[in-house]
Protein backbone atom coordinates (compact mmCIF):
# COMPACT_ATOMS: atom_id res chain seq x y z
CA MET A 1 -1.25 -28.09 -16.61
CA THR A 2 2.39 -27.17 -16.09
CA PRO A 3 2.58 -24.15 -13.77
CA LEU A 4 4.24 -21.07 -15.19
CA MET A 5 7.20 -19.61 -13.34
CA ILE A 6 7.06 -15.82 -13.57
CA GLY A 7 10.15 -14.01 -12.41
CA PRO A 8 11.32 -10.41 -12.12
CA GLU A 9 12.04 -10.25 -15.86
CA ALA A 10 8.28 -9.79 -16.36
CA GLU A 11 8.48 -6.32 -14.84
CA SER A 12 9.34 -4.71 -18.17
CA ARG A 13 5.83 -5.60 -19.39
CA LEU A 14 3.99 -4.04 -16.46
CA ASP A 15 2.33 -0.64 -16.25
CA TRP A 16 1.31 1.11 -13.03
CA LEU A 17 -1.91 2.67 -14.32
CA ALA A 18 -2.96 -0.58 -16.01
CA LEU A 19 -2.49 -2.35 -12.68
CA THR A 20 -4.77 0.13 -10.89
CA ASP A 21 -7.36 -0.45 -13.61
CA ALA A 22 -7.08 -4.21 -12.97
CA ILE A 23 -7.46 -3.73 -9.21
CA GLU A 24 -10.52 -1.56 -9.73
CA ALA A 25 -12.02 -4.13 -12.11
CA GLY A 26 -11.32 -6.88 -9.58
CA HIS A 27 -13.53 -5.08 -7.07
CA SER A 28 -16.49 -5.29 -9.45
CA LEU A 29 -16.37 -9.09 -9.15
CA PRO A 30 -17.98 -11.01 -6.28
CA ARG A 31 -16.46 -10.08 -2.93
CA ALA A 32 -13.29 -11.99 -2.12
CA GLU A 33 -13.21 -14.62 0.57
CA ILE A 34 -10.09 -13.83 2.60
CA ALA A 35 -8.21 -15.61 5.36
CA ASP A 36 -5.18 -14.14 7.13
CA SER A 37 -3.07 -15.70 9.84
CA PHE A 38 -0.25 -14.14 11.83
CA LEU A 39 2.47 -15.83 13.86
CA TYR A 40 4.99 -13.83 15.88
CA ARG A 41 8.40 -14.41 17.40
CA GLY A 42 9.48 -11.14 18.94
CA ASP A 43 9.79 -8.70 16.05
CA ASP A 44 9.64 -11.50 13.45
CA THR A 45 6.34 -12.22 11.71
CA LEU A 46 4.91 -15.01 9.56
CA LEU A 47 1.92 -13.72 7.64
CA THR A 48 -0.07 -16.15 5.50
CA ARG A 49 -2.67 -14.59 3.25
CA SER A 50 -5.17 -16.50 1.14
CA ALA A 51 -7.92 -15.24 -1.18
CA TRP A 52 -10.55 -16.65 -3.49
CA ILE A 53 -12.46 -14.49 -5.95
CA ASP A 54 -15.17 -16.24 -7.94
CA GLY A 55 -14.30 -15.79 -11.60
CA LEU A 56 -10.69 -14.77 -11.00
CA GLY A 57 -9.01 -17.56 -9.06
CA LEU A 58 -7.22 -18.32 -5.82
CA ALA A 59 -3.96 -17.11 -4.32
CA VAL A 60 -1.94 -18.22 -1.32
CA LYS A 61 0.90 -15.96 -0.19
CA PRO A 62 3.02 -16.87 2.84
CA ALA A 63 5.33 -14.01 3.80
CA THR A 64 8.02 -13.75 6.45
CA ILE A 65 8.98 -10.33 7.83
CA PHE A 66 12.30 -10.45 9.67
CA PRO A 67 13.41 -6.87 10.53
CA GLY A 68 16.93 -8.06 11.38
CA ASN A 69 17.60 -9.44 7.90
CA PRO A 70 18.90 -6.22 6.28
CA GLY A 71 21.68 -6.13 8.86
CA ARG A 72 22.69 -9.60 7.62
CA GLY A 73 22.56 -8.54 3.98
CA MET A 74 19.22 -10.24 3.24
CA PRO A 75 15.77 -8.92 2.30
CA MET A 76 13.49 -8.19 5.25
CA VAL A 77 10.45 -9.75 3.55
CA ASN A 78 10.45 -13.14 1.78
CA GLY A 79 7.91 -15.71 0.67
CA SER A 80 6.07 -17.03 -2.37
CA VAL A 81 2.88 -16.38 -4.36
CA ASN A 82 0.90 -19.36 -5.61
CA LEU A 83 -1.83 -18.66 -8.15
CA LEU A 84 -4.45 -21.40 -8.56
CA ASP A 85 -7.09 -21.88 -11.23
CA ASP A 86 -10.65 -20.87 -10.37
CA ALA A 87 -12.26 -23.71 -12.31
CA ASP A 88 -10.27 -26.74 -11.18
CA GLY A 89 -7.97 -25.55 -8.37
CA ARG A 90 -4.77 -26.55 -10.13
CA LEU A 91 -1.63 -24.49 -9.72
CA ARG A 92 -1.44 -22.08 -12.67
CA ALA A 93 1.62 -20.05 -11.78
CA ILE A 94 4.22 -19.33 -9.15
CA VAL A 95 4.86 -15.62 -9.39
CA ASP A 96 7.96 -13.97 -8.00
CA PHE A 97 7.12 -12.90 -4.46
CA HIS A 98 9.02 -9.62 -4.52
CA LEU A 99 7.52 -8.67 -7.89
CA VAL A 100 3.96 -9.21 -6.66
CA THR A 101 4.62 -7.48 -3.35
CA LYS A 102 6.21 -4.43 -4.97
CA TRP A 103 3.46 -3.92 -7.51
CA LYS A 104 0.59 -4.81 -5.17
CA THR A 105 1.76 -2.51 -2.40
CA ALA A 106 2.46 0.53 -4.56
CA GLY A 107 -0.45 -0.13 -6.92
CA ASP A 108 -2.87 -0.28 -3.98
CA SER A 109 -1.86 3.20 -2.81
CA LEU A 110 -1.62 4.55 -6.34
CA LEU A 111 -5.26 3.62 -6.91
CA SER A 112 -6.17 5.55 -3.76
CA ALA A 113 -4.20 8.56 -4.98
CA ARG A 114 -5.96 8.40 -8.37
CA LYS A 115 -9.30 8.60 -6.59
CA LEU A 116 -8.52 10.85 -3.61
CA ALA A 117 -5.66 13.22 -4.40
CA ARG A 118 -6.42 16.57 -5.94
CA LYS A 119 -6.17 16.46 -9.73
CA ASP A 120 -3.68 19.34 -9.68
CA ALA A 121 -1.44 17.76 -7.00
CA ARG A 122 2.26 17.91 -7.88
CA ARG A 123 4.24 18.09 -4.61
CA VAL A 124 4.85 14.58 -3.27
CA LEU A 125 6.51 13.70 0.04
CA ILE A 126 7.79 10.20 0.72
CA VAL A 127 8.37 9.46 4.41
CA GLY A 128 10.88 6.62 4.66
CA ALA A 129 13.63 5.50 2.30
CA GLY A 130 13.27 1.74 1.87
CA ASN A 131 12.15 -0.37 -1.07
CA VAL A 132 8.50 0.65 -0.78
CA ALA A 133 9.51 4.32 -0.88
CA GLY A 134 11.28 3.74 -4.20
CA SER A 135 8.27 1.90 -5.60
CA MET A 136 5.96 4.74 -4.61
CA ILE A 137 8.13 7.25 -6.46
CA GLU A 138 7.84 5.12 -9.61
CA ALA A 139 4.09 4.73 -9.15
CA TYR A 140 3.34 8.39 -8.46
CA ARG A 141 5.39 9.47 -11.46
CA ALA A 142 3.28 7.23 -13.67
CA LEU A 143 0.27 9.24 -12.49
CA ILE A 144 2.02 12.64 -12.25
CA PRO A 145 4.93 12.74 -14.71
CA ASN A 146 6.01 16.19 -13.51
CA ALA A 147 5.78 15.37 -9.81
CA GLU A 148 8.13 17.22 -7.45
CA VAL A 149 9.30 14.47 -5.09
CA LEU A 150 10.81 15.06 -1.64
CA ILE A 151 12.11 12.27 0.60
CA TRP A 152 12.46 12.42 4.37
CA ASN A 153 14.05 9.69 6.46
CA ARG A 154 15.36 9.56 10.00
CA THR A 155 18.72 8.51 8.56
CA ALA A 156 19.57 11.28 6.12
CA ALA A 157 22.13 9.18 4.23
CA SER A 158 19.41 6.71 3.20
CA ALA A 159 17.20 9.56 1.96
CA GLU A 160 20.12 11.01 0.00
CA LYS A 161 20.84 7.65 -1.62
CA LEU A 162 17.22 7.11 -2.67
CA ALA A 163 16.91 10.68 -3.91
CA ALA A 164 19.99 10.24 -6.09
CA GLN A 165 18.58 7.02 -7.56
CA HIS A 166 15.25 8.62 -8.47
CA GLY A 167 16.09 12.22 -9.26
CA ALA A 168 14.31 13.45 -6.15
CA GLU A 169 15.23 15.91 -3.39
CA VAL A 170 15.86 15.38 0.32
CA ALA A 171 13.57 17.14 2.79
CA PRO A 172 15.69 18.42 5.69
CA ASP A 173 12.69 19.26 7.90
CA LEU A 174 9.74 16.87 8.15
CA GLN A 175 7.20 19.35 9.51
CA GLN A 176 7.88 21.87 6.78
CA ALA A 177 7.78 19.18 4.10
CA VAL A 178 4.44 17.88 5.38
CA GLN A 179 2.97 21.39 5.42
CA GLN A 180 3.95 21.93 1.78
CA ALA A 181 3.08 18.49 0.38
CA GLU A 182 -0.06 17.71 -1.59
CA ILE A 183 0.44 13.92 -1.52
CA ILE A 184 2.22 12.14 1.32
CA ALA A 185 3.18 8.46 1.45
CA THR A 186 4.34 7.01 4.77
CA THR A 187 6.48 3.91 4.28
CA THR A 188 7.98 3.38 7.74
CA MET A 189 7.34 0.60 10.25
CA SER A 190 7.01 2.95 13.19
CA ASP A 191 5.10 2.13 16.36
CA GLN A 192 4.81 5.86 17.14
CA PRO A 193 3.24 8.53 14.91
CA VAL A 194 5.73 10.14 12.54
CA VAL A 195 3.41 12.57 10.76
CA LEU A 196 1.31 14.81 13.02
CA GLY A 197 -2.15 15.98 12.10
CA GLU A 198 -1.52 19.58 13.12
CA TRP A 199 1.05 19.83 10.30
CA LEU A 200 -1.37 18.90 7.51
CA SER A 201 -2.54 21.54 5.06
CA PRO A 202 -6.05 21.57 3.56
CA GLY A 203 -6.32 19.45 0.43
CA THR A 204 -3.56 17.01 1.38
CA HIS A 205 -3.91 13.32 0.57
CA LEU A 206 -2.04 10.72 2.66
CA ASP A 207 -1.30 7.13 1.63
CA LEU A 208 -0.45 5.24 4.84
CA ILE A 209 1.50 2.11 3.95
CA GLY A 210 4.05 1.07 6.56
CA ALA A 211 1.96 -0.06 9.54
CA TYR A 212 1.02 -3.73 9.10
CA ARG A 213 0.70 -4.95 12.70
CA PRO A 214 -1.69 -4.14 15.56
CA ASP A 215 1.04 -2.21 17.39
CA LEU A 216 2.18 -0.01 14.48
CA ARG A 217 0.96 3.41 13.36
CA GLU A 218 2.44 6.31 11.36
CA VAL A 219 0.04 9.21 12.01
CA ASP A 220 -1.51 10.53 15.21
CA ASP A 221 -5.11 10.85 16.38
CA THR A 222 -5.28 14.45 15.19
CA ALA A 223 -4.57 13.37 11.61
CA ILE A 224 -7.22 10.66 11.83
CA ARG A 225 -9.77 13.13 13.21
CA ARG A 226 -9.05 15.84 10.62
CA ALA A 227 -9.24 13.57 7.58
CA ARG A 228 -11.92 11.76 5.66
CA LEU A 229 -10.79 8.18 6.23
CA PHE A 230 -10.63 5.40 3.62
CA VAL A 231 -9.18 1.89 3.64
CA ASP A 232 -8.47 -0.57 0.84
CA SER A 233 -10.40 -3.25 2.75
CA ARG A 234 -12.35 -3.09 5.98
CA ASP A 235 -11.80 -6.83 6.42
CA THR A 236 -7.99 -6.59 6.48
CA THR A 237 -7.56 -3.32 8.40
CA ILE A 238 -10.19 -3.27 11.15
CA GLY A 239 -8.99 -5.52 13.94
CA HIS A 240 -5.62 -6.09 12.29
CA ILE A 241 -3.68 -2.84 11.89
CA GLY A 242 -2.87 -0.33 14.61
CA GLU A 243 -3.33 2.65 12.31
CA ILE A 244 -7.06 1.93 12.36
CA GLN A 245 -7.59 -0.25 15.42
CA ILE A 246 -5.80 1.86 18.03
CA PRO A 247 -8.00 4.93 17.34
CA LEU A 248 -11.04 2.63 17.33
CA ASP A 249 -10.09 1.09 20.68
CA ASN A 250 -9.48 4.53 22.20
CA GLY A 251 -12.78 5.94 21.00
CA VAL A 252 -11.14 8.45 18.67
CA ILE A 253 -13.17 7.14 15.72
CA ARG A 254 -15.97 4.68 15.08
CA GLU A 255 -16.13 2.13 12.30
CA SER A 256 -18.74 4.32 10.62
CA ASP A 257 -16.08 7.02 10.25
CA ILE A 258 -14.41 4.87 7.58
CA ILE A 259 -16.03 6.37 4.50
CA ALA A 260 -15.39 3.58 2.00
CA ASP A 261 -13.14 0.76 0.89
CA PHE A 262 -12.30 -0.47 -2.62
CA TYR A 263 -15.53 -2.46 -2.83
CA ASP A 264 -17.28 0.93 -2.81
CA LEU A 265 -15.47 2.00 -5.98
CA PRO A 266 -18.38 1.00 -8.28
CA SER A 267 -20.75 3.24 -6.28
CA GLY A 268 -18.43 6.24 -6.52
CA ASP A 269 -18.12 6.60 -2.73
CA TYR A 270 -14.34 6.14 -2.80
CA ALA A 271 -13.75 9.73 -3.90
CA ARG A 272 -12.70 13.22 -2.89
CA ARG A 273 -15.55 15.69 -2.38
CA SER A 274 -13.69 19.02 -2.32
CA ASP A 275 -10.27 20.52 -2.92
CA ASP A 276 -9.91 21.57 0.73
CA GLU A 277 -10.57 18.31 2.52
CA ILE A 278 -7.77 16.13 3.90
CA THR A 279 -7.99 12.48 2.87
CA ILE A 280 -6.28 9.44 4.36
CA ALA A 281 -6.15 6.01 2.70
CA LYS A 282 -4.84 3.11 4.76
CA ASN A 283 -3.14 0.43 2.67
CA GLY A 284 -3.76 -2.95 4.31
CA GLY A 285 -2.68 -5.00 1.31
CA GLY A 286 -4.90 -8.06 1.71
CA ALA A 287 -4.55 -11.35 -0.12
CA HIS A 288 -7.31 -10.44 -2.58
CA LEU A 289 -5.02 -7.64 -3.80
CA ASP A 290 -2.17 -10.13 -4.17
CA LEU A 291 -4.53 -12.26 -6.25
CA MET A 292 -5.60 -9.34 -8.46
CA THR A 293 -1.98 -8.26 -8.91
CA ALA A 294 -0.72 -11.78 -9.63
CA ARG A 295 -3.45 -12.25 -12.24
CA TYR A 296 -2.55 -8.90 -13.82
CA ILE A 297 1.12 -9.97 -13.94
CA LEU A 298 0.22 -13.37 -15.41
CA ASP A 299 -1.93 -11.77 -18.11
CA ALA A 300 0.68 -9.09 -18.90
CA ALA A 301 3.56 -11.58 -18.97
CA GLY A 302 1.66 -13.98 -21.19
């Protein structure tokens, strides 16, 4: 078997809603076996994620996160995605790392929004103005073609640039934008809460994306307390990501306060109950989601 090399040119064949369908279908298969390892050097991180889903295959994704790279004109995150055959373990494909990461990260949160946001939601706030923010605008507009998108960023010039690229508007005041939003995506890498729970209006849905380390979080304890809390995977958020673990360690929440993860999709528990409740979905982005996304890309590209 000669491994396929799938590059960014495959993106023209991909569809956001089809990806969320593939992710949901992947969670009806036997539960993934997952292994994550983290190595740190100051602010630099090596994250190696591996997953095996019986009937779907295996994926190994080493990723480096070097926050200083953009200042040197290089991407912050780099790596590779290796997709291996479920039957014989041979390498089936090497899929472009940035393609998988973009579609996995945004598709993960888009699936949460499909299940948890109000069906009439139109006002979307993106907090942050990096690559993930741009991907989330694309993803939300696949779900809500007439979405009204606002962007807030600490550096206004970055928000203005992203808004111009995507036909969005810049939010001059974060608190006011949060109060008016119906869907909020946080895409920062902050170690201090950016969005405060006291600002949230009833019925708001939040997709928390940026925090990926034990010391990072984007919303405060009040937001966590006020919301019904969901995660994409208990296995890759509890004990790994500050957004969940810091409130657990401080006694703000208990593990039982996490209502559901994606493996509860078949039971219907990963769902909004009323138009007034606030919902939070933490995107942990585990290796099993890389595997599901890489398989979707392989099937779509083929």
